[in-house]
Amino acid sequence: MPRVTSLSAVTLAVADMARSVAFYEALGFELLYGGPESGFTSYRVGESYLNLQLSESTSEGIWGRAIWYVDDVDAFYANVLSSGLTPEFEPRDAPWRERYFHLRDPDGHELSFAKPLA
């Protein structure tokens, strides 16, 4: 039986492209297409992609969560802080054997940055 093996892309609706581009660039995402003045922007994140679609009908609130694996959760957290962003909590170890923290983007989408624990 065929199975899903990886995530290709997540597309998020955003209210202000320039604000969202600045946010994701502060996280170090690699811009592939679009930018602050575009209606659609795409980033490469490892072997996956994050797309931003400008939408006038966005509303803040949780829609779900995008989970990104990082090499070092604590170092990535320190980078987030030094970029002037405010995570929801400090990195912690979860009972499901991941170290992680959450951050909301400018439109309220919840992002989780994690690494499996050995």
N, C-alpha and C. Protein backbone atom coordinates (compact mmCIF):
# COMPACT_ATOMS: atom_id res chain seq x y z
N MET A 1 0.85 -1.19 0.00
CA MET A 1 0.00 0.00 0.00
C MET A 1 0.89 1.24 0.00
N PRO A 2 0.59 2.22 -0.85
CA PRO A 2 1.38 3.47 -0.85
C PRO A 2 1.24 4.18 0.50
N ARG A 3 2.28 4.92 0.90
CA ARG A 3 2.24 5.66 2.16
C ARG A 3 2.84 7.04 1.99
N VAL A 4 2.42 7.93 2.84
CA VAL A 4 2.98 9.28 2.85
C VAL A 4 4.36 9.19 3.48
N THR A 5 5.37 9.78 2.84
CA THR A 5 6.74 9.68 3.36
C THR A 5 7.32 11.01 3.82
N SER A 6 6.73 12.14 3.42
CA SER A 6 7.27 13.42 3.87
C SER A 6 6.26 14.53 3.60
N LEU A 7 6.51 15.67 4.15
CA LEU A 7 5.68 16.85 3.93
C LEU A 7 6.30 17.66 2.80
N SER A 8 5.52 17.97 1.78
CA SER A 8 6.02 18.79 0.69
C SER A 8 5.96 20.26 1.05
N ALA A 9 4.75 20.73 1.45
CA ALA A 9 4.59 22.15 1.71
C ALA A 9 3.40 22.40 2.64
N VAL A 10 3.48 23.51 3.32
CA VAL A 10 2.37 24.06 4.09
C VAL A 10 2.11 25.43 3.50
N THR A 11 0.84 25.77 3.23
CA THR A 11 0.49 27.09 2.74
C THR A 11 -0.36 27.78 3.79
N LEU A 12 0.07 28.97 4.21
CA LEU A 12 -0.63 29.74 5.22
C LEU A 12 -1.21 31.01 4.60
N ALA A 13 -2.44 31.34 4.95
CA ALA A 13 -3.04 32.61 4.55
C ALA A 13 -2.51 33.69 5.48
N VAL A 14 -2.08 34.82 4.92
CA VAL A 14 -1.53 35.92 5.72
C VAL A 14 -2.24 37.23 5.36
N ALA A 15 -2.34 38.12 6.34
CA ALA A 15 -3.02 39.40 6.13
C ALA A 15 -2.08 40.48 5.62
N ASP A 16 -0.79 40.38 5.93
CA ASP A 16 0.19 41.41 5.57
C ASP A 16 1.47 40.70 5.13
N MET A 17 1.70 40.63 3.82
CA MET A 17 2.83 39.88 3.29
C MET A 17 4.16 40.44 3.77
N ALA A 18 4.33 41.74 3.78
CA ALA A 18 5.61 42.33 4.21
C ALA A 18 5.91 41.93 5.66
N ARG A 19 4.93 42.00 6.53
CA ARG A 19 5.10 41.63 7.93
C ARG A 19 5.45 40.14 8.06
N SER A 20 4.79 39.29 7.29
CA SER A 20 5.05 37.86 7.35
C SER A 20 6.41 37.51 6.77
N VAL A 21 6.80 38.15 5.67
CA VAL A 21 8.12 37.92 5.08
C VAL A 21 9.21 38.30 6.08
N ALA A 22 9.07 39.42 6.75
CA ALA A 22 10.06 39.83 7.75
C ALA A 22 10.16 38.80 8.88
N PHE A 23 9.02 38.27 9.31
CA PHE A 23 8.97 37.26 10.37
C PHE A 23 9.72 35.99 9.95
N TYR A 24 9.38 35.44 8.78
CA TYR A 24 10.01 34.18 8.35
C TYR A 24 11.47 34.36 7.97
N GLU A 25 11.84 35.54 7.48
CA GLU A 25 13.26 35.79 7.21
C GLU A 25 14.05 35.87 8.52
N ALA A 26 13.43 36.40 9.58
CA ALA A 26 14.09 36.44 10.89
C ALA A 26 14.36 35.02 11.41
N LEU A 27 13.52 34.06 10.99
CA LEU A 27 13.74 32.66 11.37
C LEU A 27 14.77 31.97 10.49
N GLY A 28 15.21 32.63 9.43
CA GLY A 28 16.24 32.07 8.56
C GLY A 28 15.71 31.21 7.42
N PHE A 29 14.41 31.30 7.10
CA PHE A 29 13.86 30.53 6.00
C PHE A 29 14.40 31.07 4.68
N GLU A 30 14.66 30.17 3.72
CA GLU A 30 15.26 30.55 2.43
C GLU A 30 14.18 30.94 1.42
N LEU A 31 14.17 32.22 1.04
CA LEU A 31 13.19 32.73 0.08
C LEU A 31 13.48 32.18 -1.31
N LEU A 32 12.44 31.60 -1.94
CA LEU A 32 12.57 31.08 -3.30
C LEU A 32 11.83 31.94 -4.31
N TYR A 33 10.69 32.50 -3.89
CA TYR A 33 9.82 33.21 -4.82
C TYR A 33 9.00 34.22 -4.04
N GLY A 34 8.72 35.35 -4.67
CA GLY A 34 7.85 36.35 -4.05
C GLY A 34 8.64 37.31 -3.19
N GLY A 35 8.04 37.74 -2.10
CA GLY A 35 8.66 38.70 -1.20
C GLY A 35 7.63 39.65 -0.62
N PRO A 36 8.09 40.73 -0.01
CA PRO A 36 7.20 41.64 0.71
C PRO A 36 6.05 42.23 -0.11
N GLU A 37 6.25 42.43 -1.40
CA GLU A 37 5.22 43.06 -2.25
C GLU A 37 4.39 42.05 -3.03
N SER A 38 4.65 40.77 -2.83
CA SER A 38 4.00 39.73 -3.62
C SER A 38 2.69 39.25 -2.98
N GLY A 39 1.83 38.66 -3.79
CA GLY A 39 0.61 38.04 -3.28
C GLY A 39 0.85 36.59 -2.88
N PHE A 40 1.98 36.02 -3.30
CA PHE A 40 2.34 34.64 -2.99
C PHE A 40 3.85 34.58 -2.79
N THR A 41 4.28 33.97 -1.70
CA THR A 41 5.70 33.84 -1.39
C THR A 41 5.98 32.40 -1.00
N SER A 42 7.13 31.89 -1.43
CA SER A 42 7.50 30.50 -1.14
C SER A 42 8.91 30.44 -0.55
N TYR A 43 9.06 29.63 0.48
CA TYR A 43 10.35 29.40 1.15
C TYR A 43 10.71 27.93 1.09
N ARG A 44 12.02 27.64 0.99
CA ARG A 44 12.51 26.28 1.16
C ARG A 44 12.89 26.15 2.62
N VAL A 45 12.44 25.05 3.25
CA VAL A 45 12.77 24.75 4.63
C VAL A 45 13.23 23.31 4.67
N GLY A 46 14.55 23.11 4.62
CA GLY A 46 15.07 21.74 4.50
C GLY A 46 14.62 21.17 3.17
N GLU A 47 13.92 20.03 3.22
CA GLU A 47 13.42 19.41 1.99
C GLU A 47 11.94 19.72 1.75
N SER A 48 11.37 20.61 2.55
CA SER A 48 9.97 20.98 2.42
C SER A 48 9.85 22.45 2.06
N TYR A 49 8.61 22.91 1.92
CA TYR A 49 8.36 24.29 1.52
C TYR A 49 7.29 24.91 2.40
N LEU A 50 7.41 26.21 2.62
CA LEU A 50 6.39 27.00 3.27
C LEU A 50 5.94 28.04 2.27
N ASN A 51 4.64 28.09 2.02
CA ASN A 51 4.07 29.08 1.11
C ASN A 51 3.21 30.04 1.92
N LEU A 52 3.25 31.31 1.55
CA LEU A 52 2.40 32.33 2.15
C LEU A 52 1.50 32.89 1.06
N GLN A 53 0.20 32.91 1.32
CA GLN A 53 -0.78 33.41 0.35
C GLN A 53 -1.48 34.62 0.96
N LEU A 54 -1.36 35.77 0.31
CA LEU A 54 -2.01 36.98 0.80
C LEU A 54 -3.52 36.81 0.74
N SER A 55 -4.21 37.11 1.84
CA SER A 55 -5.65 36.96 1.91
C SER A 55 -6.23 38.06 2.78
N GLU A 56 -7.23 38.73 2.28
CA GLU A 56 -7.87 39.80 3.06
C GLU A 56 -8.83 39.24 4.09
N SER A 57 -9.11 37.94 4.06
CA SER A 57 -10.10 37.37 4.97
C SER A 57 -9.49 36.53 6.09
N THR A 58 -8.24 36.78 6.45
CA THR A 58 -7.63 36.01 7.54
C THR A 58 -8.15 36.52 8.87
N SER A 59 -8.17 35.66 9.84
CA SER A 59 -8.53 36.05 11.20
C SER A 59 -7.60 35.32 12.15
N GLU A 60 -7.22 35.97 13.24
CA GLU A 60 -6.30 35.34 14.18
C GLU A 60 -6.98 34.19 14.88
N GLY A 61 -6.19 33.22 15.25
CA GLY A 61 -6.70 32.05 15.96
C GLY A 61 -6.01 30.81 15.48
N ILE A 62 -6.07 29.78 16.28
CA ILE A 62 -5.37 28.55 15.91
C ILE A 62 -6.15 27.80 14.83
N TRP A 63 -5.49 27.35 13.85
CA TRP A 63 -6.06 26.56 12.77
C TRP A 63 -5.51 25.15 12.84
N GLY A 64 -4.44 25.01 13.58
CA GLY A 64 -3.68 23.77 13.66
C GLY A 64 -2.25 24.14 13.99
N ARG A 65 -1.33 23.30 13.62
CA ARG A 65 0.07 23.58 13.95
C ARG A 65 0.96 23.00 12.86
N ALA A 66 1.96 23.77 12.44
CA ALA A 66 3.00 23.26 11.55
C ALA A 66 4.20 22.93 12.44
N ILE A 67 4.74 21.73 12.27
CA ILE A 67 5.87 21.30 13.09
C ILE A 67 7.10 21.19 12.20
N TRP A 68 8.14 21.92 12.60
CA TRP A 68 9.39 21.94 11.85
C TRP A 68 10.46 21.29 12.72
N TYR A 69 11.20 20.32 12.18
CA TYR A 69 12.33 19.75 12.90
C TYR A 69 13.54 20.66 12.70
N VAL A 70 14.30 20.86 13.78
CA VAL A 70 15.52 21.66 13.75
C VAL A 70 16.66 20.84 14.32
N ASP A 71 17.90 21.23 14.01
CA ASP A 71 19.08 20.50 14.48
C ASP A 71 19.27 20.61 15.98
N ASP A 72 19.02 21.79 16.53
CA ASP A 72 19.26 22.06 17.95
C ASP A 72 18.16 23.00 18.44
N VAL A 73 17.22 22.48 19.20
CA VAL A 73 16.07 23.26 19.64
C VAL A 73 16.49 24.47 20.47
N ASP A 74 17.42 24.27 21.41
CA ASP A 74 17.82 25.36 22.29
C ASP A 74 18.56 26.46 21.54
N ALA A 75 19.41 26.08 20.59
CA ALA A 75 20.13 27.07 19.79
C ALA A 75 19.15 27.83 18.88
N PHE A 76 18.18 27.11 18.32
CA PHE A 76 17.19 27.76 17.47
C PHE A 76 16.34 28.72 18.29
N TYR A 77 15.98 28.32 19.50
CA TYR A 77 15.23 29.19 20.41
C TYR A 77 16.02 30.47 20.71
N ALA A 78 17.31 30.33 20.98
CA ALA A 78 18.17 31.50 21.24
C ALA A 78 18.19 32.42 20.03
N ASN A 79 18.23 31.85 18.84
CA ASN A 79 18.20 32.64 17.60
C ASN A 79 16.90 33.40 17.47
N VAL A 80 15.78 32.74 17.79
CA VAL A 80 14.47 33.36 17.73
C VAL A 80 14.43 34.57 18.68
N LEU A 81 14.91 34.38 19.91
CA LEU A 81 14.95 35.48 20.88
C LEU A 81 15.82 36.63 20.39
N SER A 82 16.99 36.30 19.84
CA SER A 82 17.90 37.36 19.38
C SER A 82 17.34 38.10 18.16
N SER A 83 16.38 37.51 17.47
CA SER A 83 15.72 38.17 16.34
C SER A 83 14.59 39.07 16.80
N GLY A 84 14.34 39.11 18.11
CA GLY A 84 13.29 39.97 18.64
C GLY A 84 11.90 39.34 18.64
N LEU A 85 11.83 38.04 18.40
CA LEU A 85 10.55 37.35 18.39
C LEU A 85 10.27 36.76 19.77
N THR A 86 8.99 36.49 20.08
CA THR A 86 8.61 36.04 21.41
C THR A 86 7.91 34.69 21.35
N PRO A 87 8.62 33.61 21.66
CA PRO A 87 7.99 32.29 21.71
C PRO A 87 6.96 32.21 22.83
N GLU A 88 6.07 31.23 22.75
CA GLU A 88 5.04 31.05 23.77
C GLU A 88 5.61 30.47 25.07
N PHE A 89 6.71 29.71 24.97
CA PHE A 89 7.36 29.15 26.16
C PHE A 89 8.77 28.71 25.79
N GLU A 90 9.60 28.50 26.81
CA GLU A 90 10.97 28.03 26.60
C GLU A 90 10.96 26.57 26.15
N PRO A 91 12.04 26.11 25.51
CA PRO A 91 12.09 24.70 25.09
C PRO A 91 11.84 23.77 26.27
N ARG A 92 11.11 22.68 25.97
CA ARG A 92 10.82 21.69 26.99
C ARG A 92 10.81 20.30 26.36
N ASP A 93 11.00 19.30 27.22
CA ASP A 93 10.94 17.91 26.78
C ASP A 93 9.52 17.41 26.94
N ALA A 94 8.98 16.80 25.89
CA ALA A 94 7.61 16.30 25.90
C ALA A 94 7.59 14.81 26.20
N PRO A 95 6.48 14.33 26.77
CA PRO A 95 6.36 12.89 27.04
C PRO A 95 6.41 12.04 25.77
N TRP A 96 6.13 12.65 24.61
CA TRP A 96 6.20 11.91 23.34
C TRP A 96 7.61 11.91 22.76
N ARG A 97 8.60 12.30 23.60
CA ARG A 97 10.04 12.18 23.29
C ARG A 97 10.51 13.17 22.22
N GLU A 98 10.06 14.40 22.34
CA GLU A 98 10.58 15.49 21.52
C GLU A 98 10.90 16.66 22.44
N ARG A 99 11.93 17.42 22.08
CA ARG A 99 12.20 18.71 22.71
C ARG A 99 11.62 19.74 21.76
N TYR A 100 10.88 20.73 22.29
CA TYR A 100 10.17 21.64 21.40
C TYR A 100 9.84 22.96 22.09
N PHE A 101 9.44 23.94 21.27
CA PHE A 101 8.81 25.17 21.74
C PHE A 101 7.87 25.66 20.63
N HIS A 102 6.94 26.53 21.02
CA HIS A 102 5.97 27.08 20.06
C HIS A 102 6.19 28.58 19.87
N LEU A 103 5.82 29.02 18.69
CA LEU A 103 5.89 30.43 18.32
C LEU A 103 4.70 30.70 17.41
N ARG A 104 4.05 31.84 17.56
CA ARG A 104 2.96 32.20 16.65
C ARG A 104 3.49 33.19 15.62
N ASP A 105 3.06 33.01 14.37
CA ASP A 105 3.45 33.96 13.33
C ASP A 105 2.52 35.17 13.42
N PRO A 106 2.76 36.21 12.60
CA PRO A 106 1.96 37.43 12.71
C PRO A 106 0.45 37.24 12.51
N ASP A 107 0.04 36.15 11.86
CA ASP A 107 -1.39 35.91 11.65
C ASP A 107 -1.98 34.91 12.64
N GLY A 108 -1.21 34.53 13.67
CA GLY A 108 -1.71 33.65 14.70
C GLY A 108 -1.51 32.16 14.44
N HIS A 109 -0.86 31.79 13.33
CA HIS A 109 -0.59 30.38 13.06
C HIS A 109 0.43 29.87 14.07
N GLU A 110 0.19 28.69 14.64
CA GLU A 110 1.11 28.15 15.64
C GLU A 110 2.18 27.32 14.95
N LEU A 111 3.44 27.65 15.23
CA LEU A 111 4.59 26.94 14.69
C LEU A 111 5.28 26.23 15.84
N SER A 112 5.62 24.99 15.66
CA SER A 112 6.36 24.23 16.66
C SER A 112 7.71 23.88 16.06
N PHE A 113 8.76 24.11 16.83
CA PHE A 113 10.12 23.78 16.42
C PHE A 113 10.59 22.68 17.35
N ALA A 114 10.98 21.54 16.80
CA ALA A 114 11.20 20.35 17.61
C ALA A 114 12.37 19.51 17.11
N LYS A 115 12.80 18.58 17.99
CA LYS A 115 13.79 17.57 17.64
C LYS A 115 13.48 16.33 18.47
N PRO A 116 13.44 15.17 17.83
CA PRO A 116 13.21 13.95 18.60
C PRO A 116 14.33 13.74 19.63
N LEU A 117 13.95 13.27 20.80
CA LEU A 117 14.94 12.96 21.84
C LEU A 117 15.46 11.55 21.61
N ALA A 118 16.74 11.36 21.90
CA ALA A 118 17.35 10.04 21.70
C ALA A 118 16.86 9.04 22.73
